[in-house]
C-alpha cells in the first residue's frame, strides 16, 4: 500500500498537532486496520511513516519504508513540527526494511539512519520512441520553492533563440505567491509558454516534443519526469541534481552542476543540435530498459517481500539516528 505524504509549510518548531492532522492520522489508522495484507509499503518521508510503523507493530505485520527523495534523509530541513519529525523517525526505527532508489541514498541512509537499505531502482513504464521533432525545452513540476522554476525562466531569457514550455502544477498546498509571480514573469518572456496542467497522457505528448526534460530542483530522488522522458528517448537537462551521476556517466543529456550559466550553454548547444538526437535518444532508452524496466524492478521487490515473509514481523535491531 502506498500513502502520499500530507504536505505542510515551514513553521516554527513545535510538537503539537492541529485537529485536521489528528483526523488525518485517525483516517490512516482506520484504513490500515481494515487491510488484509501481510506487508505495508509506505513511500516518502512524513508523519505517515510512524503511523504505519506503529500499526504494523501492533497488528504484527511487516512494514517497508521506501524513500522518494534525498531530503528524506534530512527531514528536519523540511518539517519544523517536531511531533511530525518524531513520528517519521519512529517509523524508520519500526521498519522491517528500508528501500532506496539510488547509490547516493544508500550512503545517506547508512549515515543518517544507521541502517543498511535495499537498493531497488524506480520503475519506468515502457513507452514507444518518440515520433515528434524536438520543438522546445520542457519543465514540469509543482509550484514549490525548492523546485526553483525561476531558474528555468532565467535559462529561457539567456537562450532567446530556443523555445521553452512550462507546466506548473499545484500539488498539495499550492504556493499562491509563487504561482502569481510565475504568471507575471512568464508573460514577459517571448520564447516561453506557460501551459495549463493536463492529464498524464496529454503531458506525455508534450514530452515527445521536448528537446530535453528540464529539472531545476534543489533536491530530488530519481525524478519520474526523467524516467518518462528517457523511456521515450528524450534526454534530461538538470541544474543541480544528477542521481548517481547517470546523466553524465551514461550520456543521458546535460548536467549543469548548479550553474545557470552552464545550463544556458548546454541548452544552447542542445537546441542547435536538436535535428539529430538519434544516438542520444538510443542511449536514454537503453539505460531505462536496462535499469528501470518493470520486470527488473518488480523482481527486486518480490525478492525482498519473499525474504521478509520468511522472517518474523517486527523492526530490525539498530541504533537510530537522533532527530
Protein backbone atom coordinates (compact mmCIF):
# COMPACT_ATOMS: atom_id res chain seq x y z
CA UNK A 1 0.00 0.00 0.00
CA UNK A 2 1.29 3.45 -0.90
CA UNK A 3 0.30 6.58 1.06
CA UNK A 4 1.02 10.08 -0.19
CA UNK A 5 2.55 12.45 2.37
CA UNK A 6 0.48 15.26 3.84
CA UNK A 7 2.23 18.50 2.79
CA UNK A 8 2.99 21.10 5.41
CA UNK A 9 4.61 24.54 5.20
CA UNK A 10 7.65 25.58 7.18
CA UNK A 11 6.63 26.61 10.69
CA UNK A 12 8.37 27.36 13.97
CA UNK A 13 9.43 24.32 16.00
CA UNK A 14 6.51 22.76 17.84
CA UNK A 15 5.33 19.32 18.87
CA UNK A 16 1.53 19.52 18.93
CA UNK A 17 -0.83 18.51 16.10
CA UNK A 18 -3.81 20.52 14.95
CA UNK A 19 -7.27 18.98 14.63
CA UNK A 20 -7.05 18.37 10.88
CA UNK A 21 -3.78 16.46 11.34
CA UNK A 22 -5.29 14.32 14.10
CA UNK A 23 -8.23 13.48 11.86
CA UNK A 24 -5.83 12.56 9.09
CA UNK A 25 -3.93 10.24 11.42
CA UNK A 26 -7.14 8.55 12.54
CA UNK A 27 -8.09 8.06 8.90
CA UNK A 28 -4.78 6.33 8.16
CA UNK A 29 -5.19 4.02 11.15
CA UNK A 30 -8.72 3.07 10.05
CA UNK A 31 -7.57 2.27 6.52
CA UNK A 32 -4.60 0.18 7.67
CA UNK A 33 -6.61 -1.68 10.29
CA UNK A 34 -9.02 -2.95 7.64
CA UNK A 35 -6.41 -4.06 5.10
CA UNK A 36 -5.96 -7.79 4.65
CA UNK A 37 -2.22 -7.83 3.93
CA UNK A 38 0.96 -9.20 5.45
CA UNK A 39 3.12 -6.21 4.49
CA UNK A 40 2.65 -2.44 4.41
CA UNK A 41 4.79 -0.40 2.00
CA UNK A 42 4.87 3.36 2.58
CA UNK A 43 6.80 5.80 0.40
CA UNK A 44 8.21 9.28 1.11
CA UNK A 45 9.08 10.97 4.40
CA UNK A 46 6.21 12.15 6.56
CA UNK A 47 4.31 11.59 9.77
CA UNK A 48 2.56 8.71 7.96
CA UNK A 49 5.76 6.68 8.31
CA UNK A 50 5.40 6.49 12.08
CA UNK A 51 1.69 5.72 11.97
CA UNK A 52 2.18 2.86 9.51
CA UNK A 53 5.07 1.53 11.58
CA UNK A 54 3.01 1.56 14.79
CA UNK A 55 0.00 -0.13 13.18
CA UNK A 56 2.26 -2.76 11.63
CA UNK A 57 3.86 -3.46 15.02
CA UNK A 58 0.50 -3.74 16.82
CA UNK A 59 -1.02 -5.97 14.14
CA UNK A 60 2.20 -7.97 13.72
CA UNK A 61 2.53 -7.06 10.07
CA UNK A 62 5.71 -6.33 8.14
CA UNK A 63 6.49 -2.74 7.21
CA UNK A 64 8.74 -1.48 4.42
CA UNK A 65 9.67 2.17 4.13
CA UNK A 66 10.57 3.33 0.60
CA UNK A 67 12.46 6.60 0.11
CA UNK A 68 11.39 9.11 -2.55
CA UNK A 69 13.97 11.89 -2.30
CA UNK A 70 17.37 12.66 -0.84
CA UNK A 71 15.63 15.11 1.50
CA UNK A 72 14.06 12.09 3.26
CA UNK A 73 17.43 11.66 4.98
CA UNK A 74 17.42 15.24 6.26
CA UNK A 75 13.72 15.52 7.01
CA UNK A 76 14.16 18.14 9.70
CA UNK A 77 15.12 20.61 6.99
CA UNK A 78 11.57 20.35 5.65
CA UNK A 79 9.44 19.60 8.69
CA UNK A 80 9.69 22.07 11.56
CA UNK A 81 6.96 20.41 13.60
CA UNK A 82 8.94 18.19 15.93
CA UNK A 83 5.95 15.93 16.51
CA UNK A 84 5.74 15.08 12.82
CA UNK A 85 9.52 14.68 12.56
CA UNK A 86 9.47 12.40 15.61
CA UNK A 87 6.77 10.23 14.04
CA UNK A 88 8.78 9.91 10.85
CA UNK A 89 11.93 8.82 12.68
CA UNK A 90 9.90 6.42 14.81
CA UNK A 91 8.60 4.82 11.61
CA UNK A 92 12.14 4.37 10.33
CA UNK A 93 13.03 2.61 13.59
CA UNK A 94 9.99 0.31 13.27
CA UNK A 95 10.50 -0.59 9.61
CA UNK A 96 11.45 -4.17 8.80
CA UNK A 97 13.33 -2.89 5.75
CA UNK A 98 14.22 0.42 4.10
CA UNK A 99 14.23 0.65 0.30
CA UNK A 100 16.15 3.40 -1.52
CA UNK A 101 16.32 4.50 -5.17
CA UNK A 102 20.00 5.27 -5.75
CA UNK A 103 23.52 4.51 -4.50
CA UNK A 104 23.60 8.08 -3.16
CA UNK A 105 20.60 7.27 -0.96
CA UNK A 106 22.26 4.06 0.21
CA UNK A 107 25.08 6.10 1.75
CA UNK A 108 22.70 8.73 3.12
CA UNK A 109 20.60 6.03 4.77
CA UNK A 110 23.64 4.38 6.37
CA UNK A 111 24.96 7.68 7.73
CA UNK A 112 21.68 9.18 8.90
CA UNK A 113 19.56 6.20 9.95
CA UNK A 114 22.37 3.71 10.72
CA UNK A 115 20.61 1.16 8.52
CA UNK A 116 21.70 -0.92 5.53
CA UNK A 117 18.95 -0.37 2.95
CA UNK A 118 17.89 -2.37 -0.06
CA UNK A 119 18.56 -0.61 -3.38
CA UNK A 120 15.63 -1.01 -5.76
CA UNK A 121 15.54 1.46 -8.62
CA UNK A 122 12.36 3.30 -9.59
CA UNK A 123 10.24 1.69 -12.27
CA UNK A 124 9.75 3.26 -15.70
CA UNK A 125 6.64 2.45 -17.68
CA UNK A 126 7.54 1.15 -21.17
CA UNK A 127 6.94 3.69 -23.92
CA UNK A 128 7.33 3.87 -27.66
CA UNK A 129 10.19 6.01 -29.01
CA UNK A 130 9.03 9.50 -29.78
CA UNK A 131 7.99 10.29 -33.32
CA UNK A 132 7.82 14.09 -32.99
CA UNK A 133 10.57 16.53 -33.89
CA UNK A 134 12.06 18.31 -30.83
CA UNK A 135 10.41 21.72 -30.58
CA UNK A 136 11.01 23.14 -27.07
CA UNK A 137 12.62 22.57 -23.69
CA UNK A 138 10.04 21.31 -21.21
CA UNK A 139 9.79 21.89 -17.45
CA UNK A 140 7.11 20.03 -15.49
CA UNK A 141 6.77 20.31 -11.73
CA UNK A 142 4.91 21.53 -8.67
CA UNK A 143 4.69 25.18 -7.73
CA UNK A 144 7.13 24.77 -4.86
CA UNK A 145 10.11 26.93 -3.92
CA UNK A 146 12.58 24.03 -3.88
CA UNK A 147 11.67 23.17 -7.49
CA UNK A 148 13.18 26.55 -8.49
CA UNK A 149 11.00 27.34 -11.52
CA UNK A 150 12.62 30.79 -11.66
CA UNK A 151 15.84 29.09 -12.84
CA UNK A 152 14.01 27.73 -15.88
CA UNK A 153 12.74 31.22 -16.70
CA UNK A 154 16.27 32.59 -16.42
CA UNK A 155 17.60 29.98 -18.86
CA UNK A 156 14.83 30.94 -21.30
CA UNK A 157 15.93 34.58 -21.08
CA UNK A 158 19.56 33.65 -21.73
CA UNK A 159 18.79 31.47 -24.76
CA UNK A 160 16.34 33.62 -26.74
CA UNK A 161 16.77 31.62 -29.95
CA UNK A 162 15.27 28.49 -28.34
CA UNK A 163 11.69 27.72 -27.34
CA UNK A 164 10.65 26.81 -23.79
CA UNK A 165 7.43 25.38 -22.31
CA UNK A 166 6.46 25.08 -18.65
CA UNK A 167 3.69 23.12 -16.92
CA UNK A 168 3.50 24.20 -13.28
CA UNK A 169 1.00 22.23 -11.21
CA UNK A 170 -0.35 22.99 -7.75
CA UNK A 171 0.30 19.87 -5.68
CA UNK A 172 -0.65 19.70 -2.00
CA UNK A 173 -0.89 23.23 -0.64
CA UNK A 174 0.00 25.45 -3.60
CA UNK A 175 2.23 28.47 -3.20
CA UNK A 176 -0.10 31.24 -4.38
CA UNK A 177 2.58 33.93 -4.37
CA UNK A 178 4.88 31.77 -6.49
CA UNK A 179 2.07 30.95 -8.92
CA UNK A 180 1.20 34.65 -9.36
CA UNK A 181 4.87 35.52 -9.83
CA UNK A 182 5.31 32.80 -12.45
CA UNK A 183 2.37 34.08 -14.47
CA UNK A 184 3.67 37.65 -14.42
CA UNK A 185 7.24 36.73 -15.29
CA UNK A 186 6.34 34.21 -17.99
CA UNK A 187 4.17 36.77 -19.73
CA UNK A 188 7.27 38.92 -20.31
CA UNK A 189 9.41 36.17 -21.89
CA UNK A 190 8.61 35.86 -25.59
CA UNK A 191 10.19 32.44 -26.13
CA UNK A 192 8.47 30.86 -23.10
CA UNK A 193 4.94 29.45 -22.96
CA UNK A 194 3.29 28.75 -19.61
CA UNK A 195 0.87 25.87 -20.22
CA UNK A 196 -2.10 24.68 -18.19
CA UNK A 197 -1.88 21.39 -16.26
CA UNK A 198 -3.29 18.45 -18.21
CA UNK A 199 -3.93 14.70 -17.93
CA UNK A 200 -0.90 12.43 -17.91
CA UNK A 201 -1.47 11.14 -21.46
CA UNK A 202 -1.57 14.68 -22.82
CA UNK A 203 1.52 15.56 -20.80
CA UNK A 204 3.42 12.68 -22.36
CA UNK A 205 2.57 14.05 -25.81
CA UNK A 206 4.36 17.22 -24.74
CA UNK A 207 7.33 15.15 -23.57
CA UNK A 208 7.52 13.58 -27.04
CA UNK A 209 8.11 17.06 -28.49
CA UNK A 210 10.79 18.13 -25.99
CA UNK A 211 14.42 18.86 -26.85
CA UNK A 212 15.08 17.89 -23.23
CA UNK A 213 13.19 17.43 -19.99
CA UNK A 214 14.48 20.12 -17.64
CA UNK A 215 14.86 19.84 -13.87
CA UNK A 216 15.92 22.78 -11.69
CA UNK A 217 15.07 21.46 -8.20
CA UNK A 218 17.43 21.87 -5.27
CA UNK A 219 17.00 18.21 -4.35
CA UNK A 220 15.36 15.15 -5.90
CA UNK A 221 15.28 11.39 -5.76
CA UNK A 222 15.10 9.76 -9.16
CA UNK A 223 12.67 12.14 -10.90
CA UNK A 224 9.77 10.39 -12.63
CA UNK A 225 9.90 13.01 -15.36
CA UNK A 226 13.41 11.83 -16.22
CA UNK A 227 12.36 8.19 -16.40
CA UNK A 228 9.32 9.02 -18.52
CA UNK A 229 11.36 11.14 -20.90
CA UNK A 230 14.30 8.69 -21.16
CA UNK A 231 11.85 5.86 -21.92
CA UNK A 232 10.76 7.88 -24.97
CA UNK A 233 14.29 8.79 -25.99
CA UNK A 234 14.08 12.36 -24.67
CA UNK A 235 17.25 13.48 -22.82
CA UNK A 236 17.44 15.32 -19.50
CA UNK A 237 18.84 18.74 -18.65
CA UNK A 238 19.43 19.15 -14.91
CA UNK A 239 20.67 22.11 -12.90
CA UNK A 240 21.77 20.68 -9.55
CA UNK A 241 20.84 17.00 -9.32
CA UNK A 242 22.28 14.10 -11.31
CA UNK A 243 21.15 10.94 -9.45
CA UNK A 244 24.15 8.64 -9.09
CA UNK A 245 25.81 10.62 -11.89
CA UNK A 246 23.83 8.72 -14.54
CA UNK A 247 23.26 11.75 -16.78
CA UNK A 248 26.98 12.36 -17.22
CA UNK A 249 28.13 8.75 -16.90
CA UNK A 250 25.70 7.29 -19.43
CA UNK A 251 25.34 10.36 -21.66
CA UNK A 252 21.63 10.91 -20.98
CA UNK A 253 21.57 14.69 -21.52
CA UNK A 254 23.23 17.62 -19.78
CA UNK A 255 24.17 18.38 -16.17
CA UNK A 256 25.00 21.98 -15.22
CA UNK A 257 26.49 21.32 -11.75
CA UNK A 258 24.41 24.09 -10.21
CA UNK A 259 25.42 26.81 -12.69
CA UNK A 260 22.69 28.73 -14.53
CA UNK A 261 25.32 30.00 -16.96
CA UNK A 262 26.45 26.45 -17.75
CA UNK A 263 22.85 25.30 -18.05
CA UNK A 264 22.16 28.02 -20.61
CA UNK A 265 25.25 26.97 -22.57
CA UNK A 266 24.17 23.33 -22.61
CA UNK A 267 20.65 24.33 -23.62
CA UNK A 268 22.01 26.45 -26.47
CA UNK A 269 24.10 23.55 -27.75
CA UNK A 270 21.24 21.07 -27.43
CA UNK A 271 18.92 23.45 -29.27
CA UNK A 272 21.25 23.79 -32.24
CA UNK A 273 21.84 20.02 -32.32
CA UNK A 274 18.18 19.07 -31.89
CA UNK A 275 17.75 17.95 -35.51
CA UNK A 276 19.68 14.75 -34.84
CA UNK A 277 19.26 13.23 -31.40
CA UNK A 278 19.21 9.64 -32.64
CA UNK A 279 22.29 8.43 -30.73
CA UNK A 280 21.34 10.39 -27.63
CA UNK A 281 17.80 9.00 -27.74
CA UNK A 282 19.08 5.46 -28.13
CA UNK A 283 21.30 5.82 -25.03
CA UNK A 284 18.37 7.11 -22.99
CA UNK A 285 16.09 4.24 -23.97
CA UNK A 286 18.81 1.64 -23.48
CA UNK A 287 19.56 2.89 -19.95
CA UNK A 288 15.91 2.74 -18.88
CA UNK A 289 15.37 -0.71 -20.36
CA UNK A 290 18.49 -1.98 -18.58
CA UNK A 291 17.99 -0.40 -15.13
CA UNK A 292 14.33 0.59 -14.70
CA UNK A 293 12.25 -1.89 -16.71
CA UNK A 294 9.20 -3.29 -14.84
CA UNK A 295 10.45 -6.89 -14.91
CA UNK A 296 13.76 -5.83 -13.33
CA UNK A 297 12.18 -3.67 -10.61
CA UNK A 298 9.25 -5.96 -9.84
CA UNK A 299 11.61 -8.91 -9.49
CA UNK A 300 13.64 -7.00 -6.89
CA UNK A 301 10.53 -6.09 -4.90
CA UNK A 302 9.20 -9.65 -4.98
CA UNK A 303 12.55 -10.93 -3.76
CA UNK A 304 12.53 -8.50 -0.84
CA UNK A 305 8.94 -9.29 0.16
CA UNK A 306 9.55 -13.05 -0.03
CA UNK A 307 12.63 -12.67 2.19
CA UNK A 308 10.64 -10.64 4.73
CA UNK A 309 7.86 -13.22 4.78
CA UNK A 310 10.39 -15.84 5.89
CA UNK A 311 11.27 -13.73 8.95
CA UNK A 312 9.07 -12.91 11.95
CA UNK A 313 7.41 -9.49 11.71
CA UNK A 314 8.82 -6.58 13.63
CA UNK A 315 11.54 -3.94 13.33
CA UNK A 316 15.19 -4.85 12.90
CA UNK A 317 17.57 -4.00 15.73
CA UNK A 318 19.77 -0.98 15.10
CA UNK A 319 20.88 2.29 16.67
CA UNK A 320 18.60 5.02 15.35
CA UNK A 321 19.83 8.49 14.46
CA UNK A 322 18.70 11.40 16.63
CA UNK A 323 16.07 13.85 15.46
